[in-house]
């Protein structure tokens, strides 16, 4: 598993059976030999079985014990292929595509994709520094009345996505409850270093107040006047974050076709993870590692109503 990302043929050759996948998981999970998930003692392999017997407490377990793979009835090699497809697809991979390509029911493919997305969620993200761009976009179908009533952007019933991107650095995407200064300031405080050189935005009135609320001096804010159709003045622009928005929207139009408000944050996390790791030659391996360490996302919680799932 310490080889760079593989193409689909190489992946099938190396991980085309559950036995090969188990060996790969053992190498990733136990670099110094099998450890009991209960007491962390060493363990002895059980002959002719894919299990181990703890030398101390005699608990019998396999490499999938305590992982997201343990309660799955899906073959491990299908998990591996689906994970590789989601890692390599620049604009995402739909459950229908996974269903057809890997071979499973749509329900299984949909649940599988969401479990992999959940493992992609990053915690303890580093603060963004240097030159920062911040903007918002709107996701969803056309609001009633469309452009004739001027409700296709702010003020429409679309879902709001706020993006922050460090030039030549990482991306952050959020399903936001609004674009008021208080909300935007929270995203800045939690994701942008106080030592950042400058924040570029458009001329939306909330941004100056948001940057002030976040504790950053106004001199670090530069705005480009989109309302007057001005898009670039020297290095003042928001083209970098807008290109990330464009990539996500192409994923919706061409791959997923529809993303519900309830699951929008999960798709944003997937896009963010893949974008920030676009130059990582070991993305597949690192994603499998995340699957090993991630908690299980239960189907009943995934399909619960939004207010119940948040409870």
Protein backbone atom coordinates (compact mmCIF):
# COMPACT_ATOMS: atom_id res chain seq x y z
CA UNK A 1 0.00 0.00 0.00
CA UNK A 2 3.04 2.28 0.00
CA UNK A 3 2.92 2.66 -3.77
CA UNK A 4 1.49 5.80 -5.44
CA UNK A 5 -2.09 5.96 -6.67
CA UNK A 6 -3.04 3.10 -8.99
CA UNK A 7 -5.14 3.02 -12.12
CA UNK A 8 -8.19 0.75 -12.20
CA UNK A 9 -6.37 -2.16 -13.85
CA UNK A 10 -3.52 -2.06 -11.33
CA UNK A 11 -6.01 -1.70 -8.48
CA UNK A 12 -7.93 -4.79 -9.61
CA UNK A 13 -4.72 -6.79 -9.94
CA UNK A 14 -3.50 -5.86 -6.45
CA UNK A 15 -6.82 -5.85 -4.56
CA UNK A 16 -9.13 -8.05 -6.64
CA UNK A 17 -9.96 -10.46 -3.79
CA UNK A 18 -11.01 -10.06 -0.18
CA UNK A 19 -7.89 -11.93 0.92
CA UNK A 20 -5.62 -9.39 -0.78
CA UNK A 21 -7.64 -6.53 0.73
CA UNK A 22 -7.35 -8.04 4.22
CA UNK A 23 -3.58 -8.28 3.89
CA UNK A 24 -3.44 -4.65 2.80
CA UNK A 25 -5.60 -3.60 5.77
CA UNK A 26 -3.34 -5.53 8.13
CA UNK A 27 -0.28 -3.68 6.80
CA UNK A 28 -2.00 -0.32 7.27
CA UNK A 29 -3.59 -1.00 10.65
CA UNK A 30 -0.84 -3.03 12.33
CA UNK A 31 2.61 -1.94 11.22
CA UNK A 32 4.21 -3.82 14.15
CA UNK A 33 1.99 -6.91 14.08
CA UNK A 34 -1.62 -7.61 15.04
CA UNK A 35 -2.92 -5.91 18.20
CA UNK A 36 -6.01 -6.86 20.19
CA UNK A 37 -8.64 -4.10 19.82
CA UNK A 38 -9.68 -4.66 23.46
CA UNK A 39 -6.41 -4.73 25.40
CA UNK A 40 -3.82 -3.82 22.74
CA UNK A 41 -1.80 -6.96 23.45
CA UNK A 42 -0.14 -9.01 20.74
CA UNK A 43 -2.09 -11.75 18.98
CA UNK A 44 -1.52 -15.08 17.24
CA UNK A 45 -3.05 -15.94 13.85
CA UNK A 46 -5.69 -18.68 13.89
CA UNK A 47 -4.91 -21.34 11.29
CA UNK A 48 -7.12 -21.42 8.18
CA UNK A 49 -9.12 -18.40 9.33
CA UNK A 50 -8.82 -14.66 8.80
CA UNK A 51 -8.76 -14.16 12.56
CA UNK A 52 -6.37 -13.69 15.46
CA UNK A 53 -6.41 -14.84 19.07
CA UNK A 54 -5.26 -12.32 21.68
CA UNK A 55 -2.29 -13.61 23.66
CA UNK A 56 -3.61 -11.91 26.81
CA UNK A 57 -7.43 -11.89 26.94
CA UNK A 58 -7.97 -14.50 24.17
CA UNK A 59 -10.44 -12.29 22.34
CA UNK A 60 -10.75 -13.50 18.75
CA UNK A 61 -10.90 -10.81 16.11
CA UNK A 62 -10.13 -9.96 12.49
CA UNK A 63 -8.51 -6.92 10.91
CA UNK A 64 -11.95 -5.40 10.27
CA UNK A 65 -13.00 -5.57 13.95
CA UNK A 66 -13.98 -2.15 15.24
CA UNK A 67 -13.80 -0.56 11.78
CA UNK A 68 -16.35 0.65 9.27
CA UNK A 69 -15.84 -2.62 7.33
CA UNK A 70 -16.88 -4.90 10.20
CA UNK A 71 -20.67 -4.83 9.85
CA UNK A 72 -20.67 -4.52 6.06
CA UNK A 73 -21.95 -7.38 3.93
CA UNK A 74 -20.20 -5.87 0.91
CA UNK A 75 -17.00 -7.49 -0.30
CA UNK A 76 -13.84 -5.68 0.71
CA UNK A 77 -12.59 -5.50 -2.87
CA UNK A 78 -15.76 -3.58 -3.81
CA UNK A 79 -15.07 -1.14 -0.96
CA UNK A 80 -11.56 -0.63 -2.34
CA UNK A 81 -12.69 -0.04 -5.93
CA UNK A 82 -15.49 2.35 -4.89
CA UNK A 83 -13.05 4.31 -2.72
CA UNK A 84 -10.56 4.60 -5.58
CA UNK A 85 -13.28 5.80 -7.96
CA UNK A 86 -14.41 8.52 -5.53
CA UNK A 87 -10.80 9.60 -4.98
CA UNK A 88 -9.95 9.85 -8.67
CA UNK A 89 -13.17 11.44 -10.01
CA UNK A 90 -12.40 15.17 -10.22
CA UNK A 91 -16.09 16.11 -10.34
CA UNK A 92 -17.29 13.32 -8.07
CA UNK A 93 -18.88 9.94 -8.69
CA UNK A 94 -22.61 9.30 -8.38
CA UNK A 95 -24.19 6.33 -6.64
CA UNK A 96 -25.66 5.29 -10.00
CA UNK A 97 -22.18 5.18 -11.51
CA UNK A 98 -20.87 3.13 -8.58
CA UNK A 99 -23.87 0.80 -8.93
CA UNK A 100 -23.16 0.17 -12.62
CA UNK A 101 -19.36 0.12 -12.45
CA UNK A 102 -18.80 -2.00 -9.34
CA UNK A 103 -21.99 -4.06 -9.34
CA UNK A 104 -24.43 -3.66 -6.45
CA UNK A 105 -27.90 -2.33 -5.70
CA UNK A 106 -28.51 1.42 -5.83
CA UNK A 107 -29.33 1.48 -2.10
CA UNK A 108 -26.02 -0.19 -1.26
CA UNK A 109 -24.10 2.13 -3.59
CA UNK A 110 -25.77 5.25 -2.14
CA UNK A 111 -25.01 4.16 1.43
CA UNK A 112 -21.45 3.19 0.48
CA UNK A 113 -20.73 6.59 -1.09
CA UNK A 114 -21.99 8.43 1.98
CA UNK A 115 -19.89 6.29 4.31
CA UNK A 116 -16.78 7.05 2.27
CA UNK A 117 -17.68 10.77 2.26
CA UNK A 118 -18.05 10.69 6.05
CA UNK A 119 -14.52 9.27 6.32
CA UNK A 120 -13.23 12.15 4.18
CA UNK A 121 -14.32 14.74 6.73
CA UNK A 122 -11.17 16.36 8.08
CA UNK A 123 -10.78 17.55 11.66
CA UNK A 124 -8.13 19.89 13.07
CA UNK A 125 -7.72 21.62 9.73
CA UNK A 126 -4.77 24.02 9.52
CA UNK A 127 -5.53 27.74 9.45
CA UNK A 128 -5.32 29.38 6.05
CA UNK A 129 -2.59 31.98 5.63
CA UNK A 130 -1.07 34.28 3.04
CA UNK A 131 -3.43 35.65 0.39
CA UNK A 132 -7.03 34.55 1.00
CA UNK A 133 -10.10 34.74 -1.20
CA UNK A 134 -13.64 34.54 0.19
CA UNK A 135 -16.94 34.44 -1.65
CA UNK A 136 -20.38 32.86 -1.58
CA UNK A 137 -22.45 31.03 -4.17
CA UNK A 138 -25.96 29.62 -4.39
CA UNK A 139 -26.90 26.01 -5.04
CA UNK A 140 -30.25 24.64 -6.14
CA UNK A 141 -32.92 24.79 -8.82
CA UNK A 142 -34.29 28.02 -10.23
CA UNK A 143 -36.44 29.92 -7.78
CA UNK A 144 -40.01 30.62 -8.82
CA UNK A 145 -40.04 33.65 -11.13
CA UNK A 146 -36.38 33.23 -12.12
CA UNK A 147 -34.33 36.14 -13.39
CA UNK A 148 -37.41 38.18 -14.29
CA UNK A 149 -38.03 38.68 -10.57
CA UNK A 150 -34.38 38.91 -9.61
CA UNK A 151 -34.38 36.00 -7.17
CA UNK A 152 -31.72 33.69 -8.58
CA UNK A 153 -28.99 34.70 -6.11
CA UNK A 154 -29.20 36.49 -2.78
CA UNK A 155 -32.78 36.54 -1.54
CA UNK A 156 -33.74 33.35 -3.38
CA UNK A 157 -34.65 30.01 -1.84
CA UNK A 158 -31.36 28.45 -2.94
CA UNK A 159 -28.86 26.92 -0.53
CA UNK A 160 -25.90 29.13 0.40
CA UNK A 161 -22.33 27.90 0.10
CA UNK A 162 -19.50 30.01 1.52
CA UNK A 163 -15.99 29.34 0.28
CA UNK A 164 -12.57 30.40 1.54
CA UNK A 165 -9.43 29.55 -0.41
CA UNK A 166 -5.78 30.28 0.15
CA UNK A 167 -4.01 31.06 -3.07
CA UNK A 168 -1.72 28.12 -3.88
CA UNK A 169 -3.16 26.48 -0.77
CA UNK A 170 -6.18 24.76 0.67
CA UNK A 171 -9.91 25.21 0.22
CA UNK A 172 -12.76 25.42 2.75
CA UNK A 173 -16.43 25.03 1.79
CA UNK A 174 -19.44 25.51 4.09
CA UNK A 175 -23.18 25.03 3.77
CA UNK A 176 -24.09 28.34 5.38
CA UNK A 177 -27.28 29.48 7.10
CA UNK A 178 -26.80 33.00 5.74
CA UNK A 179 -24.42 35.72 4.56
CA UNK A 180 -24.77 38.19 7.40
CA UNK A 181 -21.60 39.69 8.84
CA UNK A 182 -21.85 37.66 12.08
CA UNK A 183 -21.99 34.36 10.17
CA UNK A 184 -19.16 35.25 7.79
CA UNK A 185 -17.01 36.48 10.69
CA UNK A 186 -17.29 33.08 12.37
CA UNK A 187 -15.96 31.33 9.25
CA UNK A 188 -13.05 33.79 9.10
CA UNK A 189 -12.14 33.36 12.80
CA UNK A 190 -12.24 29.56 12.58
CA UNK A 191 -10.36 29.16 9.32
CA UNK A 192 -8.13 32.17 8.58
CA UNK A 193 -4.95 32.93 10.49
CA UNK A 194 -4.81 36.40 12.11
CA UNK A 195 -1.44 36.74 10.38
CA UNK A 196 -2.96 36.32 6.91
CA UNK A 197 -1.61 38.88 4.47
CA UNK A 198 -4.90 39.95 2.87
CA UNK A 199 -8.49 38.79 2.28
CA UNK A 200 -9.97 39.39 -1.17
CA UNK A 201 -13.77 39.53 -1.53
CA UNK A 202 -16.37 41.05 -3.83
CA UNK A 203 -18.22 44.23 -2.90
CA UNK A 204 -20.99 42.59 -0.87
CA UNK A 205 -21.62 44.92 2.14
CA UNK A 206 -21.30 42.17 4.79
CA UNK A 207 -17.61 41.52 4.19
CA UNK A 208 -16.03 44.68 5.69
CA UNK A 209 -18.05 44.25 8.88
CA UNK A 210 -17.36 40.50 8.98
CA UNK A 211 -13.60 41.02 8.71
CA UNK A 212 -13.75 43.63 11.48
CA UNK A 213 -15.80 41.29 13.70
CA UNK A 214 -13.22 38.56 13.10
CA UNK A 215 -10.57 40.84 14.64
CA UNK A 216 -8.66 41.63 11.48
CA UNK A 217 -7.72 45.21 10.48
CA UNK A 218 -9.55 46.78 7.55
CA UNK A 219 -6.26 47.34 5.75
CA UNK A 220 -6.09 43.58 5.18
CA UNK A 221 -9.31 43.64 3.18
CA UNK A 222 -9.40 44.29 -0.57
CA UNK A 223 -12.68 44.19 -2.51
CA UNK A 224 -13.35 43.93 -6.22
CA UNK A 225 -16.49 45.71 -7.46
CA UNK A 226 -18.46 42.98 -9.22
CA UNK A 227 -21.62 45.11 -9.23
CA UNK A 228 -19.88 47.42 -11.71
CA UNK A 229 -18.61 44.44 -13.76
CA UNK A 230 -15.04 44.85 -12.56
CA UNK A 231 -13.44 41.45 -11.98
CA UNK A 232 -9.65 41.91 -11.83
CA UNK A 233 -7.42 44.78 -10.74
CA UNK A 234 -3.84 43.58 -10.38
CA UNK A 235 -3.93 40.73 -7.88
CA UNK A 236 -7.31 41.80 -6.49
CA UNK A 237 -9.86 39.25 -7.64
CA UNK A 238 -11.88 36.26 -6.43
CA UNK A 239 -11.27 34.08 -9.49
CA UNK A 240 -9.47 31.42 -7.45
CA UNK A 241 -12.40 30.62 -5.15
CA UNK A 242 -14.86 31.02 -8.02
CA UNK A 243 -13.01 28.32 -9.97
CA UNK A 244 -13.59 25.94 -7.02
CA UNK A 245 -17.30 26.84 -7.01
CA UNK A 246 -17.40 26.16 -10.75
CA UNK A 247 -15.87 22.71 -10.27
CA UNK A 248 -18.45 21.83 -7.61
CA UNK A 249 -21.35 23.04 -9.75
CA UNK A 250 -20.11 21.00 -12.72
CA UNK A 251 -20.18 18.00 -10.39
CA UNK A 252 -23.83 18.69 -9.58
CA UNK A 253 -24.85 19.23 -13.21
CA UNK A 254 -22.85 16.43 -14.76
CA UNK A 255 -22.44 13.82 -12.03
CA UNK A 256 -24.88 14.00 -9.11
CA UNK A 257 -27.63 15.99 -10.91
CA UNK A 258 -29.32 16.75 -7.60
CA UNK A 259 -27.95 17.35 -4.10
CA UNK A 260 -30.43 17.75 -1.27
CA UNK A 261 -30.01 20.49 1.32
CA UNK A 262 -29.71 17.83 4.03
CA UNK A 263 -26.66 16.17 2.44
CA UNK A 264 -25.08 19.23 0.80
CA UNK A 265 -22.44 19.56 3.54
CA UNK A 266 -21.29 15.96 2.91
CA UNK A 267 -20.76 16.63 -0.79
CA UNK A 268 -18.88 19.83 0.04
CA UNK A 269 -16.59 17.92 2.43
CA UNK A 270 -15.90 15.34 -0.29
CA UNK A 271 -15.05 18.04 -2.83
CA UNK A 272 -12.88 19.88 -0.30
CA UNK A 273 -10.97 16.73 0.69
CA UNK A 274 -10.32 15.69 -2.90
CA UNK A 275 -9.33 19.23 -3.93
CA UNK A 276 -6.91 19.70 -1.03
CA UNK A 277 -5.33 16.31 -1.77
CA UNK A 278 -5.21 16.70 -5.55
CA UNK A 279 -1.40 16.52 -5.51
CA UNK A 280 -1.19 13.71 -2.96
CA UNK A 281 0.26 10.64 -4.71
CA UNK A 282 -1.01 8.43 -1.88
CA UNK A 283 -4.61 9.68 -1.79
CA UNK A 284 -6.14 6.21 -2.16
CA UNK A 285 -4.02 4.75 0.63
CA UNK A 286 -4.71 7.71 2.92
CA UNK A 287 -8.46 7.43 2.29
CA UNK A 288 -8.43 3.73 3.19
CA UNK A 289 -6.61 4.70 6.41
CA UNK A 290 -9.43 7.14 7.16
CA UNK A 291 -12.00 4.41 6.59
CA UNK A 292 -10.18 2.18 9.08
CA UNK A 293 -10.28 4.88 11.76
CA UNK A 294 -13.66 6.46 11.06
CA UNK A 295 -16.82 5.75 13.10
CA UNK A 296 -19.62 3.92 11.35
CA UNK A 297 -22.34 6.06 9.79
CA UNK A 298 -25.59 4.22 10.46
CA UNK A 299 -28.16 4.04 7.66
CA UNK A 300 -31.00 5.07 9.95
CA UNK A 301 -29.16 8.28 10.84
CA UNK A 302 -28.34 8.96 7.20
CA UNK A 303 -31.97 8.66 6.14
CA UNK A 304 -33.52 10.36 9.18
CA UNK A 305 -35.23 13.70 8.80
CA UNK A 306 -32.85 16.63 9.04
CA UNK A 307 -34.07 17.72 12.50
CA UNK A 308 -33.86 14.13 13.81
CA UNK A 309 -30.38 13.54 12.38
CA UNK A 310 -29.11 16.70 14.09
CA UNK A 311 -30.50 15.65 17.47
